[in-house]
Amino acid sequence: MFQKDVGKIIGTDNFTIVNWEKNSTKNIPAKYYPKIMEFLTYCPIEKPPTTLAEKIKLHRLHQGLNQKQFSQLLKVDPTTVKFWESGERKPSEKTAEKLKVIIGG
C-alpha cells in the first residue's frame, strides 16, 4: 500500500505518513490515533499502561482527544491533565475515582 493511500485512510498526507514511518515526528496528534488503530487493528503504543498517568494518556489518545479537549470533558484546566499525564501531580481522590470509571481501571 502506498503512503498516499494510508494517508487518505487516516486523514493526513503521504509526507506525514513518511515522517511517522521514519520516526521523524515525536508526537503524533491525538486526533489521528483512532484512525491509526483502526487501520493497524491494534494500538501502536508499545508499553501497556501501568500507572494512572499512563492510563489517562492512553485513554485520551484512544478517544482522539488532545489534552485541552480531554480537560474540557473533565472540567479541569488543560495544565492539570498535562501534570497528571507526566506524573508530576496526581488527581484528587474524588477525581481519581471519576477517572477510574471513565478509563476503566
PDB file of N, CA and C in Angstrom:
ATOM      1  N   MET A   1       0.846  -1.171   0.000  1.00  0.00           N
ATOM      2  CA  MET A   1       0.000   0.000   0.000  1.00  0.00           C
ATOM      3  C   MET A   1       0.898   1.243   0.000  1.00  0.00           C
ATOM      4  N   PHE A   2       0.530   2.247  -0.754  1.00  0.00           N
ATOM      5  CA  PHE A   2       1.305   3.476  -0.830  1.00  0.00           C
ATOM      6  C   PHE A   2       0.976   4.403   0.340  1.00  0.00           C
ATOM      7  N   GLN A   3       1.962   5.251   0.705  1.00  0.00           N
ATOM      8  CA  GLN A   3       1.752   6.196   1.801  1.00  0.00           C
ATOM      9  C   GLN A   3       0.569   7.122   1.525  1.00  0.00           C
ATOM     10  N   LYS A   4       0.378   7.502   0.263  1.00  0.00           N
ATOM     11  CA  LYS A   4      -0.744   8.400  -0.052  1.00  0.00           C
ATOM     12  C   LYS A   4      -2.075   7.715   0.242  1.00  0.00           C
ATOM     13  N   ASP A   5      -2.140   6.388   0.018  1.00  0.00           N
ATOM     14  CA  ASP A   5      -3.372   5.647   0.305  1.00  0.00           C
ATOM     15  C   ASP A   5      -3.611   5.540   1.803  1.00  0.00           C
ATOM     16  N   VAL A   6      -2.543   5.283   2.537  1.00  0.00           N
ATOM     17  CA  VAL A   6      -2.648   5.213   4.003  1.00  0.00           C
ATOM     18  C   VAL A   6      -3.048   6.583   4.540  1.00  0.00           C
ATOM     19  N   GLY A   7      -2.436   7.632   3.983  1.00  0.00           N
ATOM     20  CA  GLY A   7      -2.768   8.990   4.409  1.00  0.00           C
ATOM     21  C   GLY A   7      -4.237   9.310   4.223  1.00  0.00           C
ATOM     22  N   LYS A   8      -4.806   8.894   3.102  1.00  0.00           N
ATOM     23  CA  LYS A   8      -6.235   9.129   2.851  1.00  0.00           C
ATOM     24  C   LYS A   8      -7.095   8.408   3.880  1.00  0.00           C
ATOM     25  N   ILE A   9      -6.716   7.184   4.205  1.00  0.00           N
ATOM     26  CA  ILE A   9      -7.477   6.398   5.175  1.00  0.00           C
ATOM     27  C   ILE A   9      -7.433   7.057   6.556  1.00  0.00           C
ATOM     28  N   ILE A  10      -6.245   7.520   6.946  1.00  0.00           N
ATOM     29  CA  ILE A  10      -6.059   8.086   8.282  1.00  0.00           C
ATOM     30  C   ILE A  10      -6.489   9.545   8.345  1.00  0.00           C
ATOM     31  N   GLY A  11      -6.467  10.222   7.199  1.00  0.00           N
ATOM     32  CA  GLY A  11      -6.894  11.616   7.183  1.00  0.00           C
ATOM     33  C   GLY A  11      -5.744  12.599   7.186  1.00  0.00           C
ATOM     34  N   THR A  12      -4.628  12.197   6.600  1.00  0.00           N
ATOM     35  CA  THR A  12      -3.476  13.088   6.506  1.00  0.00           C
ATOM     36  C   THR A  12      -2.822  12.895   5.142  1.00  0.00           C
ATOM     37  N   ASP A  13      -1.650  13.470   4.944  1.00  0.00           N
ATOM     38  CA  ASP A  13      -0.992  13.350   3.640  1.00  0.00           C
ATOM     39  C   ASP A  13       0.151  12.331   3.677  1.00  0.00           C
ATOM     40  N   ASN A  14       0.659  12.010   2.506  1.00  0.00           N
ATOM     41  CA  ASN A  14       1.707  10.992   2.413  1.00  0.00           C
ATOM     42  C   ASN A  14       3.008  11.437   3.083  1.00  0.00           C
ATOM     43  N   PHE A  15       3.293  12.726   3.112  1.00  0.00           N
ATOM     44  CA  PHE A  15       4.514  13.207   3.756  1.00  0.00           C
ATOM     45  C   PHE A  15       4.472  12.957   5.265  1.00  0.00           C
ATOM     46  N   THR A  16       3.308  13.125   5.847  1.00  0.00           N
ATOM     47  CA  THR A  16       3.145  12.855   7.274  1.00  0.00           C
ATOM     48  C   THR A  16       3.346  11.374   7.547  1.00  0.00           C
ATOM     49  N   ILE A  17       2.792  10.521   6.724  1.00  0.00           N
ATOM     50  CA  ILE A  17       2.963   9.069   6.890  1.00  0.00           C
ATOM     51  C   ILE A  17       4.443   8.709   6.800  1.00  0.00           C
ATOM     52  N   VAL A  18       5.152   9.273   5.834  1.00  0.00           N
ATOM     53  CA  VAL A  18       6.592   9.019   5.697  1.00  0.00           C
ATOM     54  C   VAL A  18       7.327   9.435   6.964  1.00  0.00           C
ATOM     55  N   ASN A  19       7.014  10.616   7.484  1.00  0.00           N
ATOM     56  CA  ASN A  19       7.659  11.086   8.719  1.00  0.00           C
ATOM     57  C   ASN A  19       7.369  10.166   9.899  1.00  0.00           C
ATOM     58  N   TRP A  20       6.130   9.680   9.988  1.00  0.00           N
ATOM     59  CA  TRP A  20       5.797   8.744  11.064  1.00  0.00           C
ATOM     60  C   TRP A  20       6.589   7.455  10.903  1.00  0.00           C
ATOM     61  N   GLU A  21       6.668   6.956   9.689  1.00  0.00           N
ATOM     62  CA  GLU A  21       7.396   5.712   9.438  1.00  0.00           C
ATOM     63  C   GLU A  21       8.887   5.851   9.762  1.00  0.00           C
ATOM     64  N   LYS A  22       9.436   7.008   9.510  1.00  0.00           N
ATOM     65  CA  LYS A  22      10.853   7.253   9.787  1.00  0.00           C
ATOM     66  C   LYS A  22      11.108   7.648  11.239  1.00  0.00           C
ATOM     67  N   ASN A  23      10.054   7.768  12.004  1.00  0.00           N
ATOM     68  CA  ASN A  23      10.143   8.235  13.390  1.00  0.00           C
ATOM     69  C   ASN A  23      10.669   9.666  13.464  1.00  0.00           C
ATOM     70  N   SER A  24      10.392  10.458  12.438  1.00  0.00           N
ATOM     71  CA  SER A  24      10.828  11.855  12.403  1.00  0.00           C
ATOM     72  C   SER A  24       9.897  12.760  13.194  1.00  0.00           C
ATOM     73  N   THR A  25       8.720  12.276  13.492  1.00  0.00           N
ATOM     74  CA  THR A  25       7.744  13.047  14.246  1.00  0.00           C
ATOM     75  C   THR A  25       7.651  12.452  15.643  1.00  0.00           C
ATOM     76  N   LYS A  26       7.957  13.271  16.660  1.00  0.00           N
ATOM     77  CA  LYS A  26       7.947  12.763  18.030  1.00  0.00           C
ATOM     78  C   LYS A  26       6.539  12.566  18.567  1.00  0.00           C
ATOM     79  N   ASN A  27       5.673  13.529  18.310  1.00  0.00           N
ATOM     80  CA  ASN A  27       4.321  13.465  18.861  1.00  0.00           C
ATOM     81  C   ASN A  27       3.288  13.475  17.749  1.00  0.00           C
ATOM     82  N   ILE A  28       2.636  12.366  17.576  1.00  0.00           N
ATOM     83  CA  ILE A  28       1.551  12.277  16.606  1.00  0.00           C
ATOM     84  C   ILE A  28       0.325  12.923  17.244  1.00  0.00           C
ATOM     85  N   PRO A  29      -0.341  13.843  16.549  1.00  0.00           N
ATOM     86  CA  PRO A  29      -1.531  14.465  17.124  1.00  0.00           C
ATOM     87  C   PRO A  29      -2.585  13.425  17.517  1.00  0.00           C
ATOM     88  N   ALA A  30      -3.187  13.650  18.663  1.00  0.00           N
ATOM     89  CA  ALA A  30      -4.154  12.706  19.220  1.00  0.00           C
ATOM     90  C   ALA A  30      -5.295  12.391  18.269  1.00  0.00           C
ATOM     91  N   LYS A  31      -5.694  13.364  17.470  1.00  0.00           N
ATOM     92  CA  LYS A  31      -6.852  13.156  16.598  1.00  0.00           C
ATOM     93  C   LYS A  31      -6.643  12.012  15.612  1.00  0.00           C
ATOM     94  N   TYR A  32      -5.402  11.644  15.348  1.00  0.00           N
ATOM     95  CA  TYR A  32      -5.135  10.575  14.384  1.00  0.00           C
ATOM     96  C   TYR A  32      -5.146   9.170  15.002  1.00  0.00           C
ATOM     97  N   TYR A  33      -5.014   9.061  16.309  1.00  0.00           N
ATOM     98  CA  TYR A  33      -4.897   7.745  16.933  1.00  0.00           C
ATOM     99  C   TYR A  33      -6.062   6.797  16.650  1.00  0.00           C
ATOM    100  N   PRO A  34      -7.317   7.252  16.735  1.00  0.00           N
ATOM    101  CA  PRO A  34      -8.394   6.295  16.437  1.00  0.00           C
ATOM    102  C   PRO A  34      -8.295   5.697  15.030  1.00  0.00           C
ATOM    103  N   LYS A  35      -7.982   6.530  14.035  1.00  0.00           N
ATOM    104  CA  LYS A  35      -7.873   6.023  12.656  1.00  0.00           C
ATOM    105  C   LYS A  35      -6.623   5.152  12.490  1.00  0.00           C
ATOM    106  N   ILE A  36      -5.536   5.520  13.140  1.00  0.00           N
ATOM    107  CA  ILE A  36      -4.319   4.702  13.082  1.00  0.00           C
ATOM    108  C   ILE A  36      -4.600   3.319  13.647  1.00  0.00           C
ATOM    109  N   MET A  37      -5.257   3.271  14.810  1.00  0.00           N
ATOM    110  CA  MET A  37      -5.549   1.981  15.443  1.00  0.00           C
ATOM    111  C   MET A  37      -6.527   1.171  14.605  1.00  0.00           C
ATOM    112  N   GLU A  38      -7.462   1.837  14.000  1.00  0.00           N
ATOM    113  CA  GLU A  38      -8.412   1.146  13.123  1.00  0.00           C
ATOM    114  C   GLU A  38      -7.672   0.550  11.919  1.00  0.00           C
ATOM    115  N   PHE A  39      -6.775   1.327  11.344  1.00  0.00           N
ATOM    116  CA  PHE A  39      -6.013   0.865  10.180  1.00  0.00           C
ATOM    117  C   PHE A  39      -5.086  -0.297  10.549  1.00  0.00           C
ATOM    118  N   LEU A  40      -4.372  -0.148  11.663  1.00  0.00           N
ATOM    119  CA  LEU A  40      -3.416  -1.189  12.077  1.00  0.00           C
ATOM    120  C   LEU A  40      -4.099  -2.401  12.716  1.00  0.00           C
ATOM    121  N   THR A  41      -5.282  -2.201  13.226  1.00  0.00           N
ATOM    122  CA  THR A  41      -6.065  -3.171  14.006  1.00  0.00           C
ATOM    123  C   THR A  41      -5.409  -3.506  15.356  1.00  0.00           C
ATOM    124  N   TYR A  42      -4.597  -2.574  15.841  1.00  0.00           N
ATOM    125  CA  TYR A  42      -4.038  -2.685  17.191  1.00  0.00           C
ATOM    126  C   TYR A  42      -3.561  -1.301  17.627  1.00  0.00           C
ATOM    127  N   CYS A  43      -3.268  -1.171  18.902  1.00  0.00           N
ATOM    128  CA  CYS A  43      -2.756   0.085  19.449  1.00  0.00           C
ATOM    129  C   CYS A  43      -1.235   0.104  19.281  1.00  0.00           C
ATOM    130  N   PRO A  44      -0.697   1.116  18.606  1.00  0.00           N
ATOM    131  CA  PRO A  44       0.738   1.151  18.355  1.00  0.00           C
ATOM    132  C   PRO A  44       1.598   1.581  19.547  1.00  0.00           C
ATOM    133  N   ILE A  45       0.984   1.907  20.650  1.00  0.00           N
ATOM    134  CA  ILE A  45       1.761   2.273  21.832  1.00  0.00           C
ATOM    135  C   ILE A  45       2.323   0.982  22.416  1.00  0.00           C
ATOM    136  N   GLU A  46       3.651   0.912  22.435  1.00  0.00           N
ATOM    137  CA  GLU A  46       4.349  -0.332  22.730  1.00  0.00           C
ATOM    138  C   GLU A  46       4.162  -0.843  24.149  1.00  0.00           C
ATOM    139  N   LYS A  47       4.222   0.037  25.112  1.00  0.00           N
ATOM    140  CA  LYS A  47       4.212  -0.374  26.512  1.00  0.00           C
ATOM    141  C   LYS A  47       2.797  -0.290  27.087  1.00  0.00           C
ATOM    142  N   PRO A  48       2.277  -1.376  27.612  1.00  0.00           N
ATOM    143  CA  PRO A  48       0.953  -1.305  28.254  1.00  0.00           C
ATOM    144  C   PRO A  48       1.014  -0.367  29.464  1.00  0.00           C
ATOM    145  N   PRO A  49      -0.028   0.402  29.683  1.00  0.00           N
ATOM    146  CA  PRO A  49      -0.001   1.345  30.804  1.00  0.00           C
ATOM    147  C   PRO A  49      -0.050   0.620  32.144  1.00  0.00           C
ATOM    148  N   THR A  50       0.748   1.105  33.081  1.00  0.00           N
ATOM    149  CA  THR A  50       0.751   0.504  34.420  1.00  0.00           C
ATOM    150  C   THR A  50       0.376   1.526  35.492  1.00  0.00           C
ATOM    151  N   THR A  51       0.645   2.788  35.221  1.00  0.00           N
ATOM    152  CA  THR A  51       0.324   3.836  36.194  1.00  0.00           C
ATOM    153  C   THR A  51      -0.958   4.547  35.782  1.00  0.00           C
ATOM    154  N   LEU A  52      -1.545   5.247  36.731  1.00  0.00           N
ATOM    155  CA  LEU A  52      -2.739   6.031  36.411  1.00  0.00           C
ATOM    156  C   LEU A  52      -2.401   7.077  35.355  1.00  0.00           C
ATOM    157  N   ALA A  53      -1.221   7.688  35.450  1.00  0.00           N
ATOM    158  CA  ALA A  53      -0.798   8.695  34.466  1.00  0.00           C
ATOM    159  C   ALA A  53      -0.790   8.102  33.057  1.00  0.00           C
ATOM    160  N   GLU A  54      -0.228   6.916  32.906  1.00  0.00           N
ATOM    161  CA  GLU A  54      -0.173   6.257  31.594  1.00  0.00           C
ATOM    162  C   GLU A  54      -1.559   5.855  31.112  1.00  0.00           C
ATOM    163  N   LYS A  55      -2.399   5.431  32.025  1.00  0.00           N
ATOM    164  CA  LYS A  55      -3.762   5.035  31.659  1.00  0.00           C
ATOM    165  C   LYS A  55      -4.581   6.239  31.193  1.00  0.00           C
ATOM    166  N   ILE A  56      -4.390   7.380  31.853  1.00  0.00           N
ATOM    167  CA  ILE A  56      -5.098   8.604  31.452  1.00  0.00           C
ATOM    168  C   ILE A  56      -4.700   8.978  30.032  1.00  0.00           C
ATOM    169  N   LYS A  57      -3.398   9.000  29.774  1.00  0.00           N
ATOM    170  CA  LYS A  57      -2.925   9.396  28.442  1.00  0.00           C
ATOM    171  C   LYS A  57      -3.400   8.426  27.369  1.00  0.00           C
ATOM    172  N   LEU A  58      -3.297   7.131  27.627  1.00  0.00           N
ATOM    173  CA  LEU A  58      -3.718   6.143  26.641  1.00  0.00           C
ATOM    174  C   LEU A  58      -5.208   6.270  26.344  1.00  0.00           C
ATOM    175  N   HIS A  59      -6.013   6.442  27.378  1.00  0.00           N
ATOM    176  CA  HIS A  59      -7.449   6.603  27.169  1.00  0.00           C
ATOM    177  C   HIS A  59      -7.732   7.833  26.311  1.00  0.00           C
ATOM    178  N   ARG A  60      -7.054   8.929  26.630  1.00  0.00           N
ATOM    179  CA  ARG A  60      -7.243  10.173  25.885  1.00  0.00           C
ATOM    180  C   ARG A  60      -6.889   9.968  24.411  1.00  0.00           C
ATOM    181  N   LEU A  61      -5.767   9.299  24.142  1.00  0.00           N
ATOM    182  CA  LEU A  61      -5.356   9.058  22.759  1.00  0.00           C
ATOM    183  C   LEU A  61      -6.329   8.127  22.045  1.00  0.00           C
ATOM    184  N   HIS A  62      -6.813   7.119  22.734  1.00  0.00           N
ATOM    185  CA  HIS A  62      -7.795   6.210  22.121  1.00  0.00           C
ATOM    186  C   HIS A  62      -9.052   6.966  21.697  1.00  0.00           C
ATOM    187  N   GLN A  63      -9.367   8.012  22.429  1.00  0.00           N
ATOM    188  CA  GLN A  63     -10.542   8.824  22.097  1.00  0.00           C
ATOM    189  C   GLN A  63     -10.227   9.872  21.033  1.00  0.00           C
ATOM    190  N   GLY A  64      -8.934  10.031  20.706  1.00  0.00           N
ATOM    191  CA  GLY A  64      -8.546  11.024  19.714  1.00  0.00           C
ATOM    192  C   GLY A  64      -8.609  12.446  20.235  1.00  0.00           C
ATOM    193  N   LEU A  65      -8.443  12.598  21.538  1.00  0.00           N
ATOM    194  CA  LEU A  65      -8.556  13.917  22.165  1.00  0.00           C
ATOM    195  C   LEU A  65      -7.190  14.467  22.548  1.00  0.00           C
ATOM    196  N   ASN A  66      -6.997  15.764  22.346  1.00  0.00           N
ATOM    197  CA  ASN A  66      -5.787  16.383  22.874  1.00  0.00           C
ATOM    198  C   ASN A  66      -6.042  16.728  24.345  1.00  0.00           C
ATOM    199  N   GLN A  67      -5.014  17.206  25.025  1.00  0.00           N
ATOM    200  CA  GLN A  67      -5.163  17.480  26.455  1.00  0.00           C
ATOM    201  C   GLN A  67      -6.226  18.532  26.735  1.00  0.00           C
ATOM    202  N   LYS A  68      -6.318  19.534  25.881  1.00  0.00           N
ATOM    203  CA  LYS A  68      -7.320  20.585  26.093  1.00  0.00           C
ATOM    204  C   LYS A  68      -8.734  20.020  25.972  1.00  0.00           C
ATOM    205  N   GLN A  69      -8.969  19.211  24.944  1.00  0.00           N
ATOM    206  CA  GLN A  69     -10.302  18.621  24.755  1.00  0.00           C
ATOM    207  C   GLN A  69     -10.656  17.698  25.915  1.00  0.00           C
ATOM    208  N   PHE A  70      -9.689  16.905  26.357  1.00  0.00           N
ATOM    209  CA  PHE A  70      -9.935  15.980  27.468  1.00  0.00           C
ATOM    210  C   PHE A  70     -10.209  16.760  28.753  1.00  0.00           C
ATOM    211  N   SER A  71      -9.466  17.848  28.958  1.00  0.00           N
ATOM    212  CA  SER A  71      -9.672  18.649  30.164  1.00  0.00           C
ATOM    213  C   SER A  71     -11.065  19.274  30.183  1.00  0.00           C
ATOM    214  N   GLN A  72     -11.563  19.659  29.007  1.00  0.00           N
ATOM    215  CA  GLN A  72     -12.899  20.236  28.932  1.00  0.00           C
ATOM    216  C   GLN A  72     -13.961  19.215  29.330  1.00  0.00           C
ATOM    217  N   LEU A  73     -13.759  17.955  28.938  1.00  0.00           N
ATOM    218  CA  LEU A  73     -14.699  16.901  29.338  1.00  0.00           C
ATOM    219  C   LEU A  73     -14.715  16.706  30.850  1.00  0.00           C
ATOM    220  N   LEU A  74     -13.539  16.834  31.453  1.00  0.00           N
ATOM    221  CA  LEU A  74     -13.421  16.621  32.896  1.00  0.00           C
ATOM    222  C   LEU A  74     -13.661  17.887  33.709  1.00  0.00           C
ATOM    223  N   LYS A  75     -13.789  19.017  32.976  1.00  0.00           N
ATOM    224  CA  LYS A  75     -13.983  20.319  33.626  1.00  0.00           C
ATOM    225  C   LYS A  75     -12.802  20.672  34.539  1.00  0.00           C
ATOM    226  N   VAL A  76     -11.584  20.461  33.990  1.00  0.00           N
ATOM    227  CA  VAL A  76     -10.362  20.863  34.678  1.00  0.00           C
ATOM    228  C   VAL A  76      -9.513  21.666  33.695  1.00  0.00           C
ATOM    229  N   ASP A  77      -8.502  22.308  34.200  1.00  0.00           N
ATOM    230  CA  ASP A  77      -7.585  23.081  33.365  1.00  0.00           C
ATOM    231  C   ASP A  77      -6.708  22.138  32.530  1.00  0.00           C
ATOM    232  N   PRO A  78      -6.389  22.499  31.287  1.00  0.00           N
ATOM    233  CA  PRO A  78      -5.526  21.643  30.458  1.00  0.00           C
ATOM    234  C   PRO A  78      -4.170  21.347  31.098  1.00  0.00           C
ATOM    235  N   THR A  79      -3.650  22.310  31.858  1.00  0.00           N
ATOM    236  CA  THR A  79      -2.374  22.086  32.538  1.00  0.00           C
ATOM    237  C   THR A  79      -2.486  20.970  33.565  1.00  0.00           C
ATOM    238  N   THR A  80      -3.652  20.826  34.149  1.00  0.00           N
ATOM    239  CA  THR A  80      -3.886  19.761  35.115  1.00  0.00           C
ATOM    240  C   THR A  80      -3.728  18.400  34.452  1.00  0.00           C
ATOM    241  N   VAL A  81      -4.316  18.238  33.271  1.00  0.00           N
ATOM    242  CA  VAL A  81      -4.188  16.977  32.536  1.00  0.00           C
ATOM    243  C   VAL A  81      -2.722  16.728  32.190  1.00  0.00           C
ATOM    244  N   LYS A  82      -2.031  17.764  31.757  1.00  0.00           N
ATOM    245  CA  LYS A  82      -0.607  17.652  31.427  1.00  0.00           C
ATOM    246  C   LYS A  82       0.174  17.138  32.642  1.00  0.00           C
ATOM    247  N   PHE A  83      -0.072  17.727  33.802  1.00  0.00           N
ATOM    248  CA  PHE A  83       0.625  17.302  35.019  1.00  0.00           C
ATOM    249  C   PHE A  83       0.265  15.871  35.415  1.00  0.00           C
ATOM    250  N   TRP A  84      -1.004  15.494  35.260  1.00  0.00           N
ATOM    251  CA  TRP A  84      -1.408  14.117  35.561  1.00  0.00           C
ATOM    252  C   TRP A  84      -0.662  13.132  34.670  1.00  0.00           C
ATOM    253  N   GLU A  85      -0.641  13.436  33.362  1.00  0.00           N
ATOM    254  CA  GLU A  85      -0.027  12.515  32.408  1.00  0.00           C
ATOM    255  C   GLU A  85       1.484  12.412  32.580  1.00  0.00           C
ATOM    256  N   SER A  86       2.109  13.478  33.041  1.00  0.00           N
ATOM    257  CA  SER A  86       3.558  13.444  33.255  1.00  0.00           C
ATOM    258  C   SER A  86       3.906  12.808  34.595  1.00  0.00           C
ATOM    259  N   GLY A  87       2.908  12.639  35.444  1.00  0.00           N
ATOM    260  CA  GLY A  87       3.143  12.084  36.767  1.00  0.00           C
ATOM    261  C   GLY A  87       3.620  13.128  37.771  1.00  0.00           C
ATOM    262  N   GLU A  88       3.658  14.402  37.347  1.00  0.00           N
ATOM    263  CA  GLU A  88       4.096  15.461  38.249  1.00  0.00           C
ATOM    264  C   GLU A  88       3.094  15.702  39.379  1.00  0.00           C
ATOM    265  N   ARG A  89       1.842  15.457  39.073  1.00  0.00           N
ATOM    266  CA  ARG A  89       0.782  15.612  40.074  1.00  0.00           C
ATOM    267  C   ARG A  89      -0.187  14.457  39.934  1.00  0.00           C
ATOM    268  N   LYS A  90      -0.909  14.213  41.005  1.00  0.00           N
ATOM    269  CA  LYS A  90      -1.937  13.177  40.984  1.00  0.00           C
ATOM    270  C   LYS A  90      -3.289  13.837  41.166  1.00  0.00           C
ATOM    271  N   PRO A  91      -4.304  13.254  40.541  1.00  0.00           N
ATOM    272  CA  PRO A  91      -5.647  13.818  40.749  1.00  0.00           C
ATOM    273  C   PRO A  91      -6.089  13.620  42.195  1.00  0.00           C
ATOM    274  N   SER A  92      -7.009  14.471  42.626  1.00  0.00           N
ATOM    275  CA  SER A  92      -7.575  14.303  43.967  1.00  0.00           C
ATOM    276  C   SER A  92      -8.239  12.935  44.042  1.00  0.00           C
ATOM    277  N   GLU A  93      -8.504  12.495  45.240  1.00  0.00           N
ATOM    278  CA  GLU A  93      -9.125  11.178  45.421  1.00  0.00           C
ATOM    279  C   GLU A  93     -10.470  11.097  44.695  1.00  0.00           C
ATOM    280  N   LYS A  94     -11.255  12.155  44.804  1.00  0.00           N
ATOM    281  CA  LYS A  94     -12.563  12.202  44.147  1.00  0.00           C
ATOM    282  C   LYS A  94     -12.411  12.145  42.623  1.00  0.00           C
ATOM    283  N   THR A  95     -11.491  12.938  42.090  1.00  0.00           N
ATOM    284  CA  THR A  95     -11.260  12.953  40.645  1.00  0.00           C
ATOM    285  C   THR A  95     -10.664  11.637  40.172  1.00  0.00           C
ATOM    286  N   ALA A  96      -9.783  11.059  40.966  1.00  0.00           N
ATOM    287  CA  ALA A  96      -9.181   9.770  40.607  1.00  0.00           C
ATOM    288  C   ALA A  96     -10.256   8.692  40.481  1.00  0.00           C
ATOM    289  N   GLU A  97     -11.236   8.710  41.371  1.00  0.00           N
ATOM    290  CA  GLU A  97     -12.340   7.742  41.283  1.00  0.00           C
ATOM    291  C   GLU A  97     -13.152   7.961  40.014  1.00  0.00           C
ATOM    292  N   LYS A  98     -13.401   9.236  39.691  1.00  0.00           N
ATOM    293  CA  LYS A  98     -14.130   9.573  38.469  1.00  0.00           C
ATOM    294  C   LYS A  98     -13.340   9.100  37.242  1.00  0.00           C
ATOM    295  N   LEU A  99     -12.036   9.327  37.250  1.00  0.00           N
ATOM    296  CA  LEU A  99     -11.184   8.903  36.141  1.00  0.00           C
ATOM    297  C   LEU A  99     -11.182   7.388  35.985  1.00  0.00           C
ATOM    298  N   LYS A 100     -11.141   6.680  37.091  1.00  0.00           N
ATOM    299  CA  LYS A 100     -11.138   5.207  37.029  1.00  0.00           C
ATOM    300  C   LYS A 100     -12.403   4.680  36.373  1.00  0.00           C
ATOM    301  N   VAL A 101     -13.523   5.348  36.617  1.00  0.00           N
ATOM    302  CA  VAL A 101     -14.776   4.955  35.969  1.00  0.00           C
ATOM    303  C   VAL A 101     -14.695   5.234  34.473  1.00  0.00           C
ATOM    304  N   ILE A 102     -14.165   6.422  34.134  1.00  0.00           N
ATOM    305  CA  ILE A 102     -14.076   6.819  32.729  1.00  0.00           C
ATOM    306  C   ILE A 102     -13.097   5.940  31.943  1.00  0.00           C
ATOM    307  N   ILE A 103     -11.919   5.688  32.530  1.00  0.00           N
ATOM    308  CA  ILE A 103     -10.884   4.952  31.791  1.00  0.00           C
ATOM    309  C   ILE A 103     -10.886   3.462  32.083  1.00  0.00           C
ATOM    310  N   GLY A 104     -11.749   3.056  32.978  1.00  0.00           N
ATOM    311  CA  GLY A 104     -11.880   1.624  33.242  1.00  0.00           C
ATOM    312  C   GLY A 104     -10.750   1.023  34.038  1.00  0.00           C
ATOM    313  N   GLY A 105     -10.344   1.669  35.084  1.00  0.00           N
ATOM    314  CA  GLY A 105      -9.315   0.997  35.824  1.00  0.00           C
ATOM    315  C   GLY A 105      -8.775   1.699  36.968  1.00  0.00           C
TER     316      GLY A 105
END
